[in-house]
Structure formats: C-alpha cells, structure tokens
Amino acid sequence: MIVPDIDWFEERAAIAEHDGGLSRCAAEDLAAQAQGFSNADAYWQWLADYVVTRKPP
C-alpha cells in the first residue's frame, strides 16, 4: 500500500518547479511519481478517497 507523504510531496514539487524550471503541474507529477503514483491526479485522488472513507483505498 502506498501511503503519501504530503509534506515531502509539496517540498519536492516546489523544488522541481523553482529550481528545475518545471510547470507546477509537471512538478507535481514528478513528486507523485517519486512516491509511486502514476501522476499528481492519482496522488490527489488517493488523498481524497482517504479523507472520505478514513481508510486507505
């Protein structure tokens, strides 16, 4: 089971955006992929499902 680390995700995305010159969308995709998700949409969907069900999807 993948358990996302929100702080790590936000930090990595910010670094990739600022230092790497990526768009925010591309930086978030990169940060999500580094945590084992296919992209940022999958990452955010996992979190949304968890908030609603209080259980990992």
PDB file of N, CA and C in Angstrom:
ATOM      1  N   MET A   1       0.847  -1.187   0.000  1.00  0.00           N
ATOM      2  CA  MET A   1       0.000   0.000   0.000  1.00  0.00           C
ATOM      3  C   MET A   1       0.889   1.246   0.000  1.00  0.00           C
ATOM      4  N   ILE A   2       0.557   2.184  -0.829  1.00  0.00           N
ATOM      5  CA  ILE A   2       1.267   3.451  -0.897  1.00  0.00           C
ATOM      6  C   ILE A   2       0.636   4.412   0.112  1.00  0.00           C
ATOM      7  N   VAL A   3       1.452   4.983   0.972  1.00  0.00           N
ATOM      8  CA  VAL A   3       0.966   5.996   1.903  1.00  0.00           C
ATOM      9  C   VAL A   3       1.677   7.299   1.564  1.00  0.00           C
ATOM     10  N   PRO A   4       0.949   8.269   1.001  1.00  0.00           N
ATOM     11  CA  PRO A   4       1.592   9.510   0.582  1.00  0.00           C
ATOM     12  C   PRO A   4       2.079  10.358   1.752  1.00  0.00           C
ATOM     13  N   ASP A   5       3.164  11.049   1.508  1.00  0.00           N
ATOM     14  CA  ASP A   5       3.730  11.984   2.472  1.00  0.00           C
ATOM     15  C   ASP A   5       3.506  13.387   1.902  1.00  0.00           C
ATOM     16  N   ILE A   6       2.521  14.083   2.442  1.00  0.00           N
ATOM     17  CA  ILE A   6       2.115  15.374   1.888  1.00  0.00           C
ATOM     18  C   ILE A   6       3.233  16.405   1.979  1.00  0.00           C
ATOM     19  N   ASP A   7       3.905  16.481   3.113  1.00  0.00           N
ATOM     20  CA  ASP A   7       4.986  17.460   3.266  1.00  0.00           C
ATOM     21  C   ASP A   7       6.097  17.209   2.248  1.00  0.00           C
ATOM     22  N   TRP A   8       6.484  15.956   2.093  1.00  0.00           N
ATOM     23  CA  TRP A   8       7.529  15.601   1.141  1.00  0.00           C
ATOM     24  C   TRP A   8       7.088  15.940  -0.277  1.00  0.00           C
ATOM     25  N   PHE A   9       5.834  15.603  -0.605  1.00  0.00           N
ATOM     26  CA  PHE A   9       5.280  15.895  -1.926  1.00  0.00           C
ATOM     27  C   PHE A   9       5.358  17.393  -2.232  1.00  0.00           C
ATOM     28  N   GLU A  10       4.873  18.205  -1.316  1.00  0.00           N
ATOM     29  CA  GLU A  10       4.865  19.656  -1.527  1.00  0.00           C
ATOM     30  C   GLU A  10       6.281  20.213  -1.671  1.00  0.00           C
ATOM     31  N   GLU A  11       7.198  19.724  -0.835  1.00  0.00           N
ATOM     32  CA  GLU A  11       8.580  20.198  -0.905  1.00  0.00           C
ATOM     33  C   GLU A  11       9.221  19.820  -2.236  1.00  0.00           C
ATOM     34  N   ARG A  12       9.085  18.571  -2.648  1.00  0.00           N
ATOM     35  CA  ARG A  12       9.668  18.106  -3.911  1.00  0.00           C
ATOM     36  C   ARG A  12       9.084  18.847  -5.093  1.00  0.00           C
ATOM     37  N   ALA A  13       7.770  19.055  -5.087  1.00  0.00           N
ATOM     38  CA  ALA A  13       7.128  19.772  -6.186  1.00  0.00           C
ATOM     39  C   ALA A  13       7.642  21.211  -6.258  1.00  0.00           C
ATOM     40  N   ALA A  14       7.776  21.851  -5.111  1.00  0.00           N
ATOM     41  CA  ALA A  14       8.269  23.230  -5.087  1.00  0.00           C
ATOM     42  C   ALA A  14       9.704  23.318  -5.599  1.00  0.00           C
ATOM     43  N   ILE A  15      10.535  22.365  -5.196  1.00  0.00           N
ATOM     44  CA  ILE A  15      11.930  22.362  -5.659  1.00  0.00           C
ATOM     45  C   ILE A  15      11.982  22.138  -7.165  1.00  0.00           C
ATOM     46  N   ALA A  16      11.216  21.174  -7.660  1.00  0.00           N
ATOM     47  CA  ALA A  16      11.217  20.884  -9.098  1.00  0.00           C
ATOM     48  C   ALA A  16      10.699  22.076  -9.896  1.00  0.00           C
ATOM     49  N   GLU A  17       9.722  22.777  -9.349  1.00  0.00           N
ATOM     50  CA  GLU A  17       9.175  23.945 -10.029  1.00  0.00           C
ATOM     51  C   GLU A  17      10.173  25.098 -10.012  1.00  0.00           C
ATOM     52  N   HIS A  18      10.695  25.413  -8.845  1.00  0.00           N
ATOM     53  CA  HIS A  18      11.573  26.572  -8.700  1.00  0.00           C
ATOM     54  C   HIS A  18      12.953  26.332  -9.285  1.00  0.00           C
ATOM     55  N   ASP A  19      13.612  25.283  -8.815  1.00  0.00           N
ATOM     56  CA  ASP A  19      14.992  25.023  -9.252  1.00  0.00           C
ATOM     57  C   ASP A  19      15.058  24.327 -10.607  1.00  0.00           C
ATOM     58  N   GLY A  20      14.057  23.499 -10.889  1.00  0.00           N
ATOM     59  CA  GLY A  20      14.077  22.736 -12.133  1.00  0.00           C
ATOM     60  C   GLY A  20      13.403  23.424 -13.297  1.00  0.00           C
ATOM     61  N   GLY A  21      12.681  24.506 -13.011  1.00  0.00           N
ATOM     62  CA  GLY A  21      12.019  25.248 -14.071  1.00  0.00           C
ATOM     63  C   GLY A  21      10.799  24.556 -14.660  1.00  0.00           C
ATOM     64  N   LEU A  22      10.259  23.566 -13.947  1.00  0.00           N
ATOM     65  CA  LEU A  22       9.078  22.863 -14.441  1.00  0.00           C
ATOM     66  C   LEU A  22       7.816  23.658 -14.124  1.00  0.00           C
ATOM     67  N   SER A  23       6.770  23.397 -14.891  1.00  0.00           N
ATOM     68  CA  SER A  23       5.469  23.971 -14.549  1.00  0.00           C
ATOM     69  C   SER A  23       5.015  23.315 -13.247  1.00  0.00           C
ATOM     70  N   ARG A  24       4.071  23.921 -12.564  1.00  0.00           N
ATOM     71  CA  ARG A  24       3.573  23.337 -11.311  1.00  0.00           C
ATOM     72  C   ARG A  24       2.985  21.956 -11.570  1.00  0.00           C
ATOM     73  N   CYS A  25       2.250  21.816 -12.653  1.00  0.00           N
ATOM     74  CA  CYS A  25       1.629  20.537 -12.996  1.00  0.00           C
ATOM     75  C   CYS A  25       2.689  19.456 -13.206  1.00  0.00           C
ATOM     76  N   ALA A  26       3.718  19.759 -13.973  1.00  0.00           N
ATOM     77  CA  ALA A  26       4.795  18.797 -14.230  1.00  0.00           C
ATOM     78  C   ALA A  26       5.560  18.486 -12.944  1.00  0.00           C
ATOM     79  N   ALA A  27       5.770  19.489 -12.112  1.00  0.00           N
ATOM     80  CA  ALA A  27       6.489  19.290 -10.852  1.00  0.00           C
ATOM     81  C   ALA A  27       5.687  18.393  -9.907  1.00  0.00           C
ATOM     82  N   GLU A  28       4.373  18.580  -9.855  1.00  0.00           N
ATOM     83  CA  GLU A  28       3.543  17.728  -9.016  1.00  0.00           C
ATOM     84  C   GLU A  28       3.503  16.296  -9.546  1.00  0.00           C
ATOM     85  N   ASP A  29       3.460  16.142 -10.863  1.00  0.00           N
ATOM     86  CA  ASP A  29       3.509  14.789 -11.443  1.00  0.00           C
ATOM     87  C   ASP A  29       4.806  14.098 -11.043  1.00  0.00           C
ATOM     88  N   LEU A  30       5.912  14.806 -11.125  1.00  0.00           N
ATOM     89  CA  LEU A  30       7.210  14.246 -10.770  1.00  0.00           C
ATOM     90  C   LEU A  30       7.245  13.838  -9.294  1.00  0.00           C
ATOM     91  N   ALA A  31       6.747  14.697  -8.422  1.00  0.00           N
ATOM     92  CA  ALA A  31       6.724  14.400  -6.986  1.00  0.00           C
ATOM     93  C   ALA A  31       5.816  13.203  -6.689  1.00  0.00           C
ATOM     94  N   ALA A  32       4.686  13.123  -7.373  1.00  0.00           N
ATOM     95  CA  ALA A  32       3.775  11.994  -7.179  1.00  0.00           C
ATOM     96  C   ALA A  32       4.419  10.699  -7.658  1.00  0.00           C
ATOM     97  N   GLN A  33       5.081  10.739  -8.795  1.00  0.00           N
ATOM     98  CA  GLN A  33       5.739   9.551  -9.332  1.00  0.00           C
ATOM     99  C   GLN A  33       6.851   9.079  -8.406  1.00  0.00           C
ATOM    100  N   ALA A  34       7.523   9.993  -7.755  1.00  0.00           N
ATOM    101  CA  ALA A  34       8.591   9.617  -6.824  1.00  0.00           C
ATOM    102  C   ALA A  34       8.041   8.870  -5.611  1.00  0.00           C
ATOM    103  N   GLN A  35       6.745   9.030  -5.343  1.00  0.00           N
ATOM    104  CA  GLN A  35       6.105   8.314  -4.235  1.00  0.00           C
ATOM    105  C   GLN A  35       5.346   7.079  -4.711  1.00  0.00           C
ATOM    106  N   GLY A  36       5.475   6.753  -5.998  1.00  0.00           N
ATOM    107  CA  GLY A  36       4.861   5.532  -6.506  1.00  0.00           C
ATOM    108  C   GLY A  36       3.516   5.696  -7.177  1.00  0.00           C
ATOM    109  N   PHE A  37       3.062   6.922  -7.344  1.00  0.00           N
ATOM    110  CA  PHE A  37       1.799   7.174  -8.028  1.00  0.00           C
ATOM    111  C   PHE A  37       2.074   7.426  -9.513  1.00  0.00           C
ATOM    112  N   SER A  38       1.074   7.207 -10.348  1.00  0.00           N
ATOM    113  CA  SER A  38       1.275   7.408 -11.782  1.00  0.00           C
ATOM    114  C   SER A  38       1.405   8.887 -12.142  1.00  0.00           C
ATOM    115  N   ASN A  39       0.693   9.741 -11.402  1.00  0.00           N
ATOM    116  CA  ASN A  39       0.752  11.188 -11.640  1.00  0.00           C
ATOM    117  C   ASN A  39       0.105  11.911 -10.456  1.00  0.00           C
ATOM    118  N   ALA A  40       0.063  13.227 -10.527  1.00  0.00           N
ATOM    119  CA  ALA A  40      -0.483  14.015  -9.416  1.00  0.00           C
ATOM    120  C   ALA A  40      -1.981  13.774  -9.243  1.00  0.00           C
ATOM    121  N   ASP A  41      -2.701  13.551 -10.335  1.00  0.00           N
ATOM    122  CA  ASP A  41      -4.137  13.278 -10.207  1.00  0.00           C
ATOM    123  C   ASP A  41      -4.378  12.022  -9.370  1.00  0.00           C
ATOM    124  N   ALA A  42      -3.594  10.978  -9.606  1.00  0.00           N
ATOM    125  CA  ALA A  42      -3.732   9.743  -8.829  1.00  0.00           C
ATOM    126  C   ALA A  42      -3.378   9.986  -7.364  1.00  0.00           C
ATOM    127  N   TYR A  43      -2.374  10.801  -7.135  1.00  0.00           N
ATOM    128  CA  TYR A  43      -1.960  11.151  -5.772  1.00  0.00           C
ATOM    129  C   TYR A  43      -3.095  11.862  -5.041  1.00  0.00           C
ATOM    130  N   TRP A  44      -3.647  12.910  -5.652  1.00  0.00           N
ATOM    131  CA  TRP A  44      -4.714  13.679  -5.012  1.00  0.00           C
ATOM    132  C   TRP A  44      -5.976  12.849  -4.855  1.00  0.00           C
ATOM    133  N   GLN A  45      -6.259  11.944  -5.813  1.00  0.00           N
ATOM    134  CA  GLN A  45      -7.441  11.087  -5.695  1.00  0.00           C
ATOM    135  C   GLN A  45      -7.297  10.146  -4.511  1.00  0.00           C
ATOM    136  N   TRP A  46      -6.100   9.593  -4.319  1.00  0.00           N
ATOM    137  CA  TRP A  46      -5.853   8.720  -3.167  1.00  0.00           C
ATOM    138  C   TRP A  46      -6.155   9.480  -1.876  1.00  0.00           C
ATOM    139  N   LEU A  47      -5.646  10.701  -1.781  1.00  0.00           N
ATOM    140  CA  LEU A  47      -5.875  11.501  -0.569  1.00  0.00           C
ATOM    141  C   LEU A  47      -7.358  11.814  -0.384  1.00  0.00           C
ATOM    142  N   ALA A  48      -8.047  12.169  -1.452  1.00  0.00           N
ATOM    143  CA  ALA A  48      -9.481  12.479  -1.360  1.00  0.00           C
ATOM    144  C   ALA A  48     -10.263  11.254  -0.901  1.00  0.00           C
ATOM    145  N   ASP A  49      -9.953  10.095  -1.464  1.00  0.00           N
ATOM    146  CA  ASP A  49     -10.636   8.866  -1.054  1.00  0.00           C
ATOM    147  C   ASP A  49     -10.371   8.568   0.416  1.00  0.00           C
ATOM    148  N   TYR A  50      -9.157   8.784   0.856  1.00  0.00           N
ATOM    149  CA  TYR A  50      -8.811   8.538   2.251  1.00  0.00           C
ATOM    150  C   TYR A  50      -9.581   9.464   3.185  1.00  0.00           C
ATOM    151  N   VAL A  51      -9.689  10.724   2.822  1.00  0.00           N
ATOM    152  CA  VAL A  51     -10.412  11.690   3.663  1.00  0.00           C
ATOM    153  C   VAL A  51     -11.876  11.294   3.795  1.00  0.00           C
ATOM    154  N   VAL A  52     -12.476  10.823   2.715  1.00  0.00           N
ATOM    155  CA  VAL A  52     -13.886  10.458   2.728  1.00  0.00           C
ATOM    156  C   VAL A  52     -14.123   9.168   3.505  1.00  0.00           C
ATOM    157  N   THR A  53     -13.285   8.152   3.315  1.00  0.00           N
ATOM    158  CA  THR A  53     -13.534   6.844   3.920  1.00  0.00           C
ATOM    159  C   THR A  53     -12.783   6.620   5.240  1.00  0.00           C
ATOM    160  N   ARG A  54     -11.773   7.436   5.494  1.00  0.00           N
ATOM    161  CA  ARG A  54     -10.906   7.284   6.671  1.00  0.00           C
ATOM    162  C   ARG A  54     -10.139   5.955   6.647  1.00  0.00           C
ATOM    163  N   LYS A  55     -10.053   5.351   5.457  1.00  0.00           N
ATOM    164  CA  LYS A  55      -9.282   4.125   5.259  1.00  0.00           C
ATOM    165  C   LYS A  55      -8.479   4.267   3.973  1.00  0.00           C
ATOM    166  N   PRO A  56      -7.293   3.687   3.922  1.00  0.00           N
ATOM    167  CA  PRO A  56      -6.547   3.718   2.667  1.00  0.00           C
ATOM    168  C   PRO A  56      -7.343   3.014   1.569  1.00  0.00           C
ATOM    169  N   PRO A  57      -7.357   3.593   0.381  1.00  0.00           N
ATOM    170  CA  PRO A  57      -8.087   2.957  -0.720  1.00  0.00           C
ATOM    171  C   PRO A  57      -7.489   1.618  -1.108  1.00  0.00           C
TER     172      PRO A  57
END
